N, C-alpha and C. Protein backbone atom coordinates (compact mmCIF):
# COMPACT_ATOMS: atom_id res chain seq x y z
N MET A 1 0.80 -1.14 -0.09
CA MET A 1 -0.01 0.08 -0.04
C MET A 1 0.88 1.22 -0.03
N LYS A 2 0.46 2.23 -0.79
CA LYS A 2 1.24 3.47 -0.86
C LYS A 2 0.98 4.19 0.41
N HIS A 3 1.86 5.25 0.71
CA HIS A 3 1.77 6.07 1.87
C HIS A 3 0.67 6.84 1.62
N LEU A 4 -0.52 6.72 2.43
CA LEU A 4 -1.64 7.53 2.45
C LEU A 4 -1.30 9.02 2.90
N ARG A 5 -1.96 9.95 2.29
CA ARG A 5 -1.80 11.24 2.82
C ARG A 5 -3.17 11.47 3.53
N ILE A 6 -3.00 11.73 4.92
CA ILE A 6 -4.16 11.68 5.84
C ILE A 6 -4.43 12.88 6.45
N VAL A 7 -5.59 13.42 6.49
CA VAL A 7 -6.01 14.44 7.30
C VAL A 7 -6.65 14.10 8.56
N VAL A 8 -6.42 14.47 9.61
CA VAL A 8 -6.96 14.09 10.93
C VAL A 8 -7.78 15.27 11.29
N VAL A 9 -9.11 14.86 11.71
CA VAL A 9 -9.94 15.86 12.17
C VAL A 9 -10.41 15.68 13.71
N ASN A 10 -9.97 16.62 14.52
CA ASN A 10 -10.31 16.46 15.96
C ASN A 10 -10.11 17.83 16.53
N THR A 11 -10.71 17.76 17.88
CA THR A 11 -10.57 19.01 18.75
C THR A 11 -9.28 19.48 18.85
N ILE A 12 -9.05 20.78 18.55
CA ILE A 12 -7.81 21.39 18.87
C ILE A 12 -7.79 22.17 20.17
N ILE A 13 -6.75 21.85 21.00
CA ILE A 13 -6.75 22.42 22.35
C ILE A 13 -6.19 23.82 22.26
N HIS A 14 -6.65 24.78 22.95
CA HIS A 14 -6.28 26.12 22.69
C HIS A 14 -5.80 26.59 24.21
N ALA A 15 -4.99 27.51 24.23
CA ALA A 15 -4.51 28.21 25.62
C ALA A 15 -5.71 28.46 26.43
N GLY A 16 -5.61 28.03 27.61
CA GLY A 16 -6.79 28.35 28.56
C GLY A 16 -7.68 27.04 28.76
N ASP A 17 -7.47 26.11 27.83
CA ASP A 17 -8.24 24.96 28.04
C ASP A 17 -7.69 23.84 28.81
N GLU A 18 -6.55 24.02 29.41
CA GLU A 18 -5.83 23.05 30.06
C GLU A 18 -6.56 22.49 31.31
N ASP A 19 -7.51 23.26 31.86
CA ASP A 19 -8.19 22.82 33.15
C ASP A 19 -9.40 21.99 32.71
N ASP A 20 -9.88 21.92 31.46
CA ASP A 20 -10.91 21.22 30.97
C ASP A 20 -10.74 19.63 30.75
N ALA A 21 -11.05 18.74 31.74
CA ALA A 21 -10.81 17.37 31.74
C ALA A 21 -11.10 16.66 30.52
N SER A 22 -12.31 16.94 29.94
CA SER A 22 -12.79 16.25 28.66
C SER A 22 -11.87 16.69 27.48
N LEU A 23 -11.49 17.94 27.33
CA LEU A 23 -10.52 18.37 26.35
C LEU A 23 -9.16 17.87 26.37
N LEU A 24 -8.74 17.61 27.77
CA LEU A 24 -7.52 16.96 27.92
C LEU A 24 -7.30 15.63 27.47
N ALA A 25 -8.64 14.76 27.68
CA ALA A 25 -8.65 13.47 27.48
C ALA A 25 -8.71 13.33 25.93
N GLN A 26 -9.46 14.34 25.29
CA GLN A 26 -9.51 14.29 23.87
C GLN A 26 -8.13 14.68 23.19
N ALA A 27 -7.24 15.42 23.80
CA ALA A 27 -5.87 15.90 23.39
C ALA A 27 -5.06 14.55 23.44
N GLU A 28 -5.28 13.70 24.58
CA GLU A 28 -4.33 12.46 24.73
C GLU A 28 -4.84 11.55 23.60
N ARG A 29 -6.04 11.45 23.44
CA ARG A 29 -6.51 10.55 22.18
C ARG A 29 -5.95 10.99 20.92
N ALA A 30 -5.83 12.21 20.71
CA ALA A 30 -5.35 12.87 19.35
C ALA A 30 -3.80 12.36 19.42
N ARG A 31 -3.15 12.55 20.49
CA ARG A 31 -1.67 12.33 20.48
C ARG A 31 -1.42 10.85 20.23
N ALA A 32 -2.24 9.89 20.81
CA ALA A 32 -2.17 8.41 20.70
C ALA A 32 -2.38 8.10 19.17
N LEU A 33 -3.46 8.82 18.55
CA LEU A 33 -3.67 8.43 17.20
C LEU A 33 -2.70 8.97 16.38
N ARG A 34 -2.01 10.05 16.62
CA ARG A 34 -0.97 10.62 15.71
C ARG A 34 0.21 9.62 15.79
N ILE A 35 0.64 9.15 17.07
CA ILE A 35 1.67 8.33 17.18
C ILE A 35 1.49 6.96 16.43
N GLY A 36 0.25 6.37 16.61
CA GLY A 36 -0.15 5.20 15.98
C GLY A 36 0.08 5.30 14.38
N LEU A 37 -0.50 6.51 13.90
CA LEU A 37 -0.32 6.61 12.36
C LEU A 37 0.98 6.72 11.97
N LEU A 38 1.90 7.53 12.66
CA LEU A 38 3.33 7.63 12.21
C LEU A 38 4.09 6.38 12.44
N GLU A 39 3.62 5.52 13.45
CA GLU A 39 4.48 4.32 13.59
C GLU A 39 4.05 3.37 12.52
N ALA A 40 2.86 3.50 12.03
CA ALA A 40 2.27 2.58 10.84
C ALA A 40 2.84 2.99 9.49
N GLY A 41 3.52 4.26 9.55
CA GLY A 41 4.08 4.71 8.24
C GLY A 41 3.22 5.59 7.41
N TYR A 42 2.15 6.25 8.00
CA TYR A 42 1.31 7.02 7.37
C TYR A 42 1.69 8.36 7.37
N ASP A 43 1.29 9.16 6.32
CA ASP A 43 1.55 10.60 6.28
C ASP A 43 0.71 11.53 6.67
N ILE A 44 0.63 12.11 7.84
CA ILE A 44 -0.27 13.13 8.36
C ILE A 44 0.06 14.34 7.74
N ILE A 45 -0.69 14.98 6.86
CA ILE A 45 -0.46 16.17 6.20
C ILE A 45 -1.14 17.40 6.87
N ALA A 46 -1.93 17.06 7.77
CA ALA A 46 -2.67 18.23 8.60
C ALA A 46 -3.58 17.69 9.71
N SER A 47 -3.65 18.36 10.81
CA SER A 47 -4.72 18.14 11.76
C SER A 47 -5.55 19.31 11.84
N LEU A 48 -6.87 19.15 11.63
CA LEU A 48 -7.78 20.22 11.41
C LEU A 48 -9.07 20.12 12.51
N PRO A 49 -9.34 21.32 12.92
CA PRO A 49 -10.57 21.41 13.73
C PRO A 49 -11.78 21.15 13.06
N PRO A 50 -12.85 20.73 13.74
CA PRO A 50 -14.13 20.52 12.92
C PRO A 50 -14.97 21.74 12.80
N ASP A 51 -14.39 22.81 12.03
CA ASP A 51 -15.39 24.10 11.92
C ASP A 51 -15.68 24.34 10.57
N MET A 52 -16.31 25.55 10.31
CA MET A 52 -16.94 25.81 9.07
C MET A 52 -15.90 25.76 7.91
N TYR A 53 -14.61 25.88 8.19
CA TYR A 53 -13.57 26.02 7.12
C TYR A 53 -13.07 24.69 6.74
N LEU A 54 -13.55 23.61 7.37
CA LEU A 54 -12.99 22.31 7.15
C LEU A 54 -13.19 21.81 5.70
N PRO A 55 -14.37 22.03 4.90
CA PRO A 55 -14.55 21.68 3.51
C PRO A 55 -13.58 22.36 2.67
N GLU A 56 -13.31 23.66 2.86
CA GLU A 56 -12.30 24.34 2.03
C GLU A 56 -11.03 23.94 2.37
N ARG A 57 -10.47 23.51 3.53
CA ARG A 57 -9.10 23.05 3.86
C ARG A 57 -8.93 21.73 3.20
N ILE A 58 -10.02 20.82 3.23
CA ILE A 58 -9.81 19.51 2.62
C ILE A 58 -9.71 19.67 1.28
N ALA A 59 -10.48 20.51 0.51
CA ALA A 59 -10.43 20.62 -0.98
C ALA A 59 -8.95 21.17 -1.15
N GLN A 60 -8.35 21.88 -0.44
CA GLN A 60 -7.04 22.38 -0.79
C GLN A 60 -6.00 21.47 -0.52
N LEU A 61 -6.16 20.70 0.42
CA LEU A 61 -5.15 19.57 0.82
C LEU A 61 -5.27 18.28 0.07
N GLN A 62 -6.40 17.92 -0.54
CA GLN A 62 -6.71 16.75 -1.28
C GLN A 62 -6.11 15.49 -0.55
N PRO A 63 -6.45 15.13 0.49
CA PRO A 63 -5.99 13.93 1.16
C PRO A 63 -6.61 12.61 0.47
N ASP A 64 -5.87 11.58 0.73
CA ASP A 64 -6.28 10.24 0.33
C ASP A 64 -7.40 9.62 1.32
N MET A 65 -7.34 10.16 2.57
CA MET A 65 -8.24 9.58 3.59
C MET A 65 -8.45 10.65 4.75
N ILE A 66 -9.50 10.60 5.16
CA ILE A 66 -9.88 11.41 6.36
C ILE A 66 -10.19 10.65 7.55
N ILE A 67 -9.45 10.92 8.67
CA ILE A 67 -9.71 10.35 9.94
C ILE A 67 -10.34 11.22 11.11
N VAL A 68 -11.35 10.90 11.57
CA VAL A 68 -12.03 11.65 12.52
C VAL A 68 -11.98 11.23 13.89
N ASP A 69 -11.47 11.88 14.70
CA ASP A 69 -11.25 11.54 16.24
C ASP A 69 -12.38 12.28 16.97
N ALA A 70 -13.60 11.76 17.18
CA ALA A 70 -14.62 12.60 17.80
C ALA A 70 -15.23 11.97 18.81
N GLU A 71 -15.71 12.83 19.76
CA GLU A 71 -16.61 12.46 20.90
C GLU A 71 -17.85 13.18 20.88
N SER A 72 -17.95 14.15 21.77
CA SER A 72 -19.36 14.89 21.96
C SER A 72 -19.69 15.68 20.70
N ASP A 73 -18.70 16.11 19.92
CA ASP A 73 -19.08 16.96 18.81
C ASP A 73 -19.12 16.18 17.58
N ALA A 74 -19.28 14.83 17.70
CA ALA A 74 -19.42 13.96 16.52
C ALA A 74 -20.34 14.29 15.48
N ARG A 75 -21.47 14.71 15.82
CA ARG A 75 -22.58 15.06 14.87
C ARG A 75 -22.24 16.31 14.15
N ASP A 76 -21.66 17.29 14.74
CA ASP A 76 -21.17 18.62 14.03
C ASP A 76 -20.08 18.16 13.00
N VAL A 77 -19.24 17.35 13.48
CA VAL A 77 -18.11 16.91 12.67
C VAL A 77 -18.55 16.26 11.40
N LEU A 78 -19.49 15.42 11.43
CA LEU A 78 -20.01 14.72 10.39
C LEU A 78 -20.75 15.71 9.31
N GLU A 79 -21.42 16.72 9.87
CA GLU A 79 -22.05 17.65 9.03
C GLU A 79 -20.97 18.44 8.04
N HIS A 80 -19.79 18.62 8.68
CA HIS A 80 -18.69 19.42 7.98
C HIS A 80 -18.14 18.43 7.05
N ILE A 81 -17.87 17.19 7.47
CA ILE A 81 -17.22 16.08 6.50
C ILE A 81 -18.19 15.86 5.43
N VAL A 82 -19.47 15.65 5.41
CA VAL A 82 -20.46 15.44 4.40
C VAL A 82 -20.41 16.58 3.33
N ILE A 83 -20.23 17.81 3.79
CA ILE A 83 -19.92 18.86 2.87
C ILE A 83 -18.64 18.87 2.21
N ALA A 84 -17.57 18.51 2.92
CA ALA A 84 -16.42 18.50 2.51
C ALA A 84 -16.05 17.34 1.37
N THR A 85 -16.90 16.24 1.44
CA THR A 85 -16.62 15.05 0.61
C THR A 85 -17.83 14.95 -0.37
N ARG A 86 -18.80 15.81 -0.50
CA ARG A 86 -20.01 15.75 -1.23
C ARG A 86 -19.56 15.49 -2.75
N ASP A 87 -18.52 16.35 -3.19
CA ASP A 87 -18.28 16.37 -4.65
C ASP A 87 -17.04 15.43 -5.03
N GLU A 88 -16.32 15.18 -3.99
CA GLU A 88 -15.20 14.17 -4.27
C GLU A 88 -15.12 13.20 -2.98
N ARG A 89 -15.55 11.85 -3.20
CA ARG A 89 -15.85 11.12 -2.14
C ARG A 89 -14.35 10.56 -1.70
N ARG A 90 -14.05 10.43 -0.34
CA ARG A 90 -12.78 9.82 0.18
C ARG A 90 -13.29 8.93 1.24
N PRO A 91 -12.38 8.03 1.54
CA PRO A 91 -12.54 7.11 2.71
C PRO A 91 -12.48 7.73 4.07
N ILE A 92 -13.47 7.52 4.84
CA ILE A 92 -13.50 8.18 6.13
C ILE A 92 -13.57 7.15 7.23
N VAL A 93 -12.60 7.35 8.25
CA VAL A 93 -12.73 6.46 9.39
C VAL A 93 -12.78 7.32 10.77
N MET A 94 -13.74 6.87 11.49
CA MET A 94 -13.98 7.52 12.70
C MET A 94 -13.82 6.80 13.87
N PHE A 95 -12.98 7.31 14.75
CA PHE A 95 -12.78 6.80 15.98
C PHE A 95 -13.55 7.48 17.07
N THR A 96 -14.19 6.68 18.08
CA THR A 96 -15.06 7.43 18.85
C THR A 96 -15.22 6.57 20.26
N GLU A 97 -15.74 7.22 21.21
CA GLU A 97 -16.11 6.39 22.56
C GLU A 97 -17.50 6.06 22.55
N SER A 98 -18.26 6.62 21.59
CA SER A 98 -19.72 6.49 21.57
C SER A 98 -20.17 5.38 20.95
N ASP A 99 -20.92 4.43 21.66
CA ASP A 99 -21.39 3.25 20.95
C ASP A 99 -22.90 3.47 20.68
N ASP A 100 -23.40 4.70 20.68
CA ASP A 100 -24.92 4.94 20.49
C ASP A 100 -25.35 4.40 18.94
N THR A 101 -26.28 3.72 18.99
CA THR A 101 -26.60 3.18 17.53
C THR A 101 -26.96 4.24 16.53
N GLU A 102 -27.73 5.17 17.16
CA GLU A 102 -28.12 6.19 16.16
C GLU A 102 -26.90 7.15 15.58
N SER A 103 -25.93 7.30 16.40
CA SER A 103 -24.87 8.11 15.89
C SER A 103 -24.11 7.17 14.99
N MET A 104 -23.97 5.78 15.23
CA MET A 104 -23.21 4.96 14.29
C MET A 104 -24.00 5.03 12.86
N GLU A 105 -25.45 4.82 12.95
CA GLU A 105 -26.06 4.78 11.68
C GLU A 105 -25.79 6.08 10.85
N ALA A 106 -25.99 7.28 11.60
CA ALA A 106 -25.77 8.58 11.02
C ALA A 106 -24.47 8.67 10.33
N ALA A 107 -23.41 8.22 11.07
CA ALA A 107 -22.02 8.10 10.38
C ALA A 107 -21.93 7.29 9.18
N MET A 108 -22.53 6.13 9.26
CA MET A 108 -22.46 5.41 7.99
C MET A 108 -23.19 5.90 6.86
N ALA A 109 -24.44 6.48 7.19
CA ALA A 109 -25.18 7.23 6.19
C ALA A 109 -24.48 8.32 5.58
N ALA A 110 -23.68 8.92 6.39
CA ALA A 110 -23.03 10.14 5.97
C ALA A 110 -21.80 9.75 5.07
N GLY A 111 -21.45 8.38 5.08
CA GLY A 111 -20.23 8.12 4.09
C GLY A 111 -19.07 7.58 4.97
N VAL A 112 -19.10 7.46 6.23
CA VAL A 112 -18.11 6.83 7.06
C VAL A 112 -17.70 5.43 6.62
N SER A 113 -16.63 5.09 6.38
CA SER A 113 -16.15 3.86 5.85
C SER A 113 -15.97 2.77 6.95
N ALA A 114 -15.48 3.34 8.14
CA ALA A 114 -15.20 2.62 9.35
C ALA A 114 -15.52 3.34 10.58
N TYR A 115 -16.48 2.79 11.45
CA TYR A 115 -16.89 3.48 12.64
C TYR A 115 -16.42 2.51 13.87
N ILE A 116 -15.23 3.06 14.40
CA ILE A 116 -14.54 2.36 15.50
C ILE A 116 -14.78 2.87 16.85
N VAL A 117 -15.42 1.99 17.71
CA VAL A 117 -15.77 2.29 19.08
C VAL A 117 -14.62 1.85 20.07
N ALA A 118 -14.01 2.69 20.75
CA ALA A 118 -13.04 2.41 21.79
C ALA A 118 -12.09 1.56 21.37
N GLY A 119 -11.57 2.03 20.01
CA GLY A 119 -10.41 1.11 19.31
C GLY A 119 -9.30 1.87 19.08
N LEU A 120 -8.98 2.79 19.80
CA LEU A 120 -7.79 3.79 19.45
C LEU A 120 -6.49 3.13 20.05
N GLN A 121 -6.29 1.75 19.78
CA GLN A 121 -4.91 1.22 20.09
C GLN A 121 -4.07 1.14 19.05
N SER A 122 -2.72 1.70 19.13
CA SER A 122 -1.88 1.94 18.07
C SER A 122 -1.70 0.63 17.19
N ASP A 123 -1.74 -0.52 17.65
CA ASP A 123 -1.46 -1.86 16.97
C ASP A 123 -2.79 -2.17 16.02
N ARG A 124 -3.90 -1.55 16.37
CA ARG A 124 -5.23 -1.63 15.55
C ARG A 124 -5.38 -0.77 14.34
N ILE A 125 -4.65 0.50 14.33
CA ILE A 125 -4.89 1.43 13.45
C ILE A 125 -4.57 1.00 12.05
N LYS A 126 -3.44 0.40 11.74
CA LYS A 126 -3.17 0.00 10.29
C LYS A 126 -4.13 -0.83 9.76
N PRO A 127 -4.53 -2.15 10.43
CA PRO A 127 -5.51 -2.91 9.89
C PRO A 127 -6.93 -2.32 9.74
N VAL A 128 -7.18 -1.40 10.69
CA VAL A 128 -8.54 -0.66 10.44
C VAL A 128 -8.43 0.18 9.30
N LEU A 129 -7.33 0.82 8.98
CA LEU A 129 -7.35 1.68 7.92
C LEU A 129 -7.31 1.01 6.61
N GLN A 130 -6.71 -0.22 6.57
CA GLN A 130 -6.68 -1.14 5.41
C GLN A 130 -7.92 -1.72 5.01
N VAL A 131 -8.88 -1.98 6.05
CA VAL A 131 -10.09 -2.55 5.86
C VAL A 131 -10.97 -1.37 5.22
N ALA A 132 -10.86 -0.22 5.92
CA ALA A 132 -11.82 0.85 5.45
C ALA A 132 -11.43 1.43 4.06
N LEU A 133 -10.20 1.28 3.58
CA LEU A 133 -9.80 1.73 2.23
C LEU A 133 -10.46 0.55 1.29
N ALA A 134 -10.22 -0.73 1.58
CA ALA A 134 -10.73 -1.73 0.88
C ALA A 134 -12.24 -1.63 0.59
N ARG A 135 -12.98 -1.32 1.77
CA ARG A 135 -14.49 -1.21 1.71
C ARG A 135 -14.82 0.07 0.83
N PHE A 136 -14.10 1.07 1.11
CA PHE A 136 -14.42 2.26 0.23
C PHE A 136 -14.24 2.01 -1.30
N LYS A 137 -13.24 1.36 -1.60
CA LYS A 137 -12.88 1.14 -3.19
C LYS A 137 -13.96 0.08 -3.60
N ARG A 138 -14.45 -0.73 -2.77
CA ARG A 138 -15.52 -1.60 -3.33
C ARG A 138 -16.85 -0.91 -3.59
N GLU A 139 -17.17 0.05 -2.53
CA GLU A 139 -18.22 0.69 -2.67
C GLU A 139 -18.20 1.76 -3.82
N GLN A 140 -16.94 2.34 -4.02
CA GLN A 140 -16.76 3.39 -5.11
C GLN A 140 -17.16 2.49 -6.49
N LYS A 141 -16.54 1.31 -6.59
CA LYS A 141 -16.73 0.58 -7.79
C LYS A 141 -18.20 0.35 -7.96
N LEU A 142 -18.91 -0.08 -7.07
CA LEU A 142 -20.32 -0.28 -7.25
C LEU A 142 -20.95 0.83 -7.58
N LEU A 143 -20.83 2.03 -6.91
CA LEU A 143 -21.33 3.34 -7.38
C LEU A 143 -21.09 3.67 -8.83
N ASP A 144 -19.76 3.44 -9.27
CA ASP A 144 -19.41 3.82 -10.63
C ASP A 144 -20.17 2.93 -11.61
N GLU A 145 -20.30 1.52 -11.25
CA GLU A 145 -21.04 0.78 -12.13
C GLU A 145 -22.55 1.15 -12.14
N LEU A 146 -23.20 1.49 -11.07
CA LEU A 146 -24.51 2.09 -11.17
C LEU A 146 -24.66 3.31 -11.92
N SER A 147 -23.77 4.23 -11.71
CA SER A 147 -23.77 5.26 -12.66
C SER A 147 -23.50 5.09 -14.09
N ASP A 148 -22.72 4.25 -14.43
CA ASP A 148 -22.45 3.85 -15.83
C ASP A 148 -23.71 3.23 -16.41
N THR A 149 -24.46 2.32 -15.64
CA THR A 149 -25.73 1.70 -15.85
C THR A 149 -26.77 2.74 -16.27
N LYS A 150 -26.93 3.57 -15.42
CA LYS A 150 -27.95 4.72 -15.53
C LYS A 150 -27.61 5.69 -16.74
N SER A 151 -26.33 5.75 -16.96
CA SER A 151 -25.88 6.59 -18.16
C SER A 151 -26.32 6.06 -19.44
N LYS A 152 -25.94 4.72 -19.55
CA LYS A 152 -26.13 3.94 -20.74
C LYS A 152 -27.64 3.82 -20.94
N LEU A 153 -28.42 3.69 -19.92
CA LEU A 153 -29.96 3.52 -20.08
C LEU A 153 -30.41 4.90 -20.52
N ALA A 154 -29.96 6.19 -19.97
CA ALA A 154 -30.38 7.41 -20.52
C ALA A 154 -30.06 7.52 -22.04
N GLU A 155 -28.81 7.11 -22.45
CA GLU A 155 -28.44 7.14 -23.70
C GLU A 155 -29.36 6.45 -24.75
N ARG A 156 -29.73 5.27 -24.27
CA ARG A 156 -30.59 4.46 -25.04
C ARG A 156 -31.89 4.98 -25.09
N LYS A 157 -32.49 5.60 -24.25
CA LYS A 157 -33.70 6.25 -24.26
C LYS A 157 -33.63 7.56 -25.32
N ILE A 158 -32.57 8.16 -25.22
CA ILE A 158 -32.34 9.36 -26.27
C ILE A 158 -32.30 8.72 -27.67
N ILE A 159 -31.68 7.76 -28.04
CA ILE A 159 -31.45 7.17 -29.16
C ILE A 159 -32.91 6.61 -29.65
N GLU A 160 -33.61 6.01 -28.73
CA GLU A 160 -34.95 5.55 -29.11
C GLU A 160 -35.90 6.50 -29.56
N ARG A 161 -35.75 7.76 -28.80
CA ARG A 161 -36.59 8.83 -29.23
C ARG A 161 -36.33 9.45 -30.65
N ALA A 162 -35.03 9.58 -30.77
CA ALA A 162 -34.47 10.14 -32.09
C ALA A 162 -34.94 9.25 -33.15
N LYS A 163 -34.73 7.88 -33.00
CA LYS A 163 -35.34 6.95 -33.97
C LYS A 163 -36.70 7.13 -34.32
N GLY A 164 -37.54 7.27 -33.24
CA GLY A 164 -39.02 7.43 -33.44
C GLY A 164 -39.29 8.80 -34.18
N LEU A 165 -38.49 9.75 -33.96
CA LEU A 165 -38.64 11.03 -34.66
C LEU A 165 -38.33 10.85 -36.03
N LEU A 166 -37.32 10.20 -36.47
CA LEU A 166 -36.96 9.89 -37.84
C LEU A 166 -37.97 9.10 -38.52
N MET A 167 -38.45 8.11 -37.95
CA MET A 167 -39.48 7.24 -38.44
C MET A 167 -40.68 8.00 -38.71
N GLU A 168 -41.08 8.93 -37.94
CA GLU A 168 -42.24 9.71 -38.15
C GLU A 168 -42.11 10.77 -39.15
N ARG A 169 -40.93 11.62 -39.08
CA ARG A 169 -40.67 12.70 -40.08
C ARG A 169 -40.25 12.10 -41.49
N GLN A 170 -39.38 11.16 -41.48
CA GLN A 170 -38.90 10.87 -42.72
C GLN A 170 -39.61 9.44 -43.27
N ARG A 171 -40.43 8.91 -42.55
CA ARG A 171 -41.13 7.64 -43.04
C ARG A 171 -40.09 6.49 -42.93
N PHE A 172 -39.00 6.47 -42.21
CA PHE A 172 -38.05 5.53 -42.18
C PHE A 172 -38.64 4.30 -41.37
N THR A 173 -38.08 3.18 -41.82
CA THR A 173 -38.24 1.97 -40.97
C THR A 173 -37.38 2.16 -39.55
N GLU A 174 -37.47 1.25 -38.71
CA GLU A 174 -36.57 1.38 -37.55
C GLU A 174 -35.12 1.16 -37.88
N GLU A 175 -34.90 0.14 -38.84
CA GLU A 175 -33.66 -0.03 -39.16
C GLU A 175 -33.08 1.02 -39.99
N GLN A 176 -33.78 1.57 -40.83
CA GLN A 176 -33.35 2.75 -41.56
C GLN A 176 -33.03 4.00 -40.73
N ALA A 177 -33.91 4.23 -39.69
CA ALA A 177 -33.72 5.33 -38.81
C ALA A 177 -32.41 5.04 -37.84
N PHE A 178 -32.05 3.80 -37.63
CA PHE A 178 -30.86 3.45 -36.87
C PHE A 178 -29.55 3.62 -37.70
N GLN A 179 -29.73 3.27 -39.04
CA GLN A 179 -28.58 3.53 -39.88
C GLN A 179 -28.35 4.93 -40.30
N LYS A 180 -29.23 5.58 -40.40
CA LYS A 180 -29.26 7.18 -40.36
C LYS A 180 -28.45 7.72 -39.31
N LEU A 181 -28.88 7.36 -38.11
CA LEU A 181 -28.13 7.99 -36.90
C LEU A 181 -26.71 7.47 -36.96
N ARG A 182 -26.57 6.32 -37.26
CA ARG A 182 -25.18 5.66 -37.26
C ARG A 182 -24.12 6.38 -38.29
N SER A 183 -24.73 6.65 -39.54
CA SER A 183 -24.14 7.13 -40.46
C SER A 183 -23.72 8.74 -40.00
N MET A 184 -24.62 9.31 -39.59
CA MET A 184 -24.42 10.71 -39.04
C MET A 184 -23.33 10.81 -37.98
N ALA A 185 -23.55 9.87 -36.99
CA ALA A 185 -22.43 9.81 -35.96
C ALA A 185 -20.98 9.51 -36.49
N MET A 186 -20.91 8.61 -37.48
CA MET A 186 -19.63 8.32 -38.00
C MET A 186 -18.96 9.58 -38.79
N SER A 187 -19.88 10.17 -39.48
CA SER A 187 -19.43 11.31 -40.50
C SER A 187 -18.91 12.46 -39.44
N LYS A 188 -19.58 12.64 -38.39
CA LYS A 188 -19.33 13.81 -37.45
C LYS A 188 -18.50 13.42 -36.29
N ASN A 189 -17.95 12.06 -36.29
CA ASN A 189 -17.07 11.65 -35.18
C ASN A 189 -17.65 11.70 -33.90
N LEU A 190 -18.86 11.59 -33.71
CA LEU A 190 -19.73 11.69 -32.43
C LEU A 190 -20.28 10.33 -32.01
N LYS A 191 -20.58 10.43 -30.62
CA LYS A 191 -21.30 9.13 -30.12
C LYS A 191 -22.77 9.09 -30.67
N LEU A 192 -23.29 7.92 -30.89
CA LEU A 192 -24.66 7.76 -31.30
C LEU A 192 -25.79 8.63 -30.46
N SER A 193 -25.48 8.56 -29.26
CA SER A 193 -26.48 9.25 -28.34
C SER A 193 -26.30 10.79 -28.62
N GLU A 194 -24.98 11.14 -28.75
CA GLU A 194 -24.87 12.77 -29.00
C GLU A 194 -25.61 13.21 -30.26
N VAL A 195 -25.53 12.40 -31.47
CA VAL A 195 -26.21 12.69 -32.74
C VAL A 195 -27.62 12.73 -32.36
N ALA A 196 -28.16 11.73 -31.66
CA ALA A 196 -29.53 11.54 -31.35
C ALA A 196 -30.12 12.94 -30.60
N GLN A 197 -29.16 13.36 -29.67
CA GLN A 197 -29.80 14.45 -28.76
C GLN A 197 -29.75 15.60 -29.64
N ARG A 198 -28.82 15.79 -30.49
CA ARG A 198 -28.77 17.01 -31.53
C ARG A 198 -30.06 17.06 -32.19
N ILE A 199 -30.49 15.99 -32.67
CA ILE A 199 -31.70 15.69 -33.50
C ILE A 199 -32.95 16.27 -32.77
N LEU A 200 -33.02 15.71 -31.53
CA LEU A 200 -33.95 16.18 -30.41
C LEU A 200 -33.99 17.53 -30.14
N ASP A 201 -32.75 18.18 -29.95
CA ASP A 201 -32.62 19.54 -29.68
C ASP A 201 -33.27 20.43 -30.83
N VAL A 202 -32.86 20.06 -32.14
CA VAL A 202 -33.41 20.76 -33.18
C VAL A 202 -34.89 20.66 -33.30
N GLU A 203 -35.43 19.57 -33.10
CA GLU A 203 -36.99 19.39 -33.10
C GLU A 203 -37.48 20.32 -31.95
N ASP A 204 -36.92 20.47 -30.71
CA ASP A 204 -37.44 21.36 -29.81
C ASP A 204 -37.45 22.68 -30.22
N LEU A 205 -36.26 23.15 -30.89
CA LEU A 205 -36.16 24.47 -31.36
C LEU A 205 -37.15 24.89 -32.31
N LEU A 206 -37.49 23.76 -33.19
CA LEU A 206 -38.46 24.08 -34.33
C LEU A 206 -39.94 23.94 -34.01
N GLY A 207 -40.11 23.43 -32.71
CA GLY A 207 -41.34 23.25 -32.12
C GLY A 207 -42.10 22.14 -32.66
């Protein structure tokens, strides 16, 4: 596996927060996660807070994977992650202490590839990331195949409509209409569906 470029999203501790026990615990988790990732050979390109600027920063950094270390603010983090990966999907791994079923379902629906509860041991990080990446690739392949199928179906419908129009306007048989479309596509070096769409567009313009 190549060295993944990883962005870690977690709560950033600021000056004055040292007395907040929950924030200190979160900081310790973040430290353990960072050590585990570095020991496993991963490239951490940034640690980012879950704020409104997260989508823009992820777009600029173009990471291979996003790791979320979240606790009480998990739902807010997910909202920002969904926005950040809406146009370009990436594998997302979430480490959390919450075993709430509703939170888990929300995370998976949002596109999280792996939801790990109380599993932030350094020796588990590498296999977890490997499984998450494999699952993401499998799901992406299925989505691409589904998109391709829908695209081909849409193109077939356009061709059928154009054939029907030629049969009506030119008194062609179905075979003659198809051959006409094919001849036009070859002469113009276009796809059959592109020629068919042009014919339909002209018909719309002419009313």
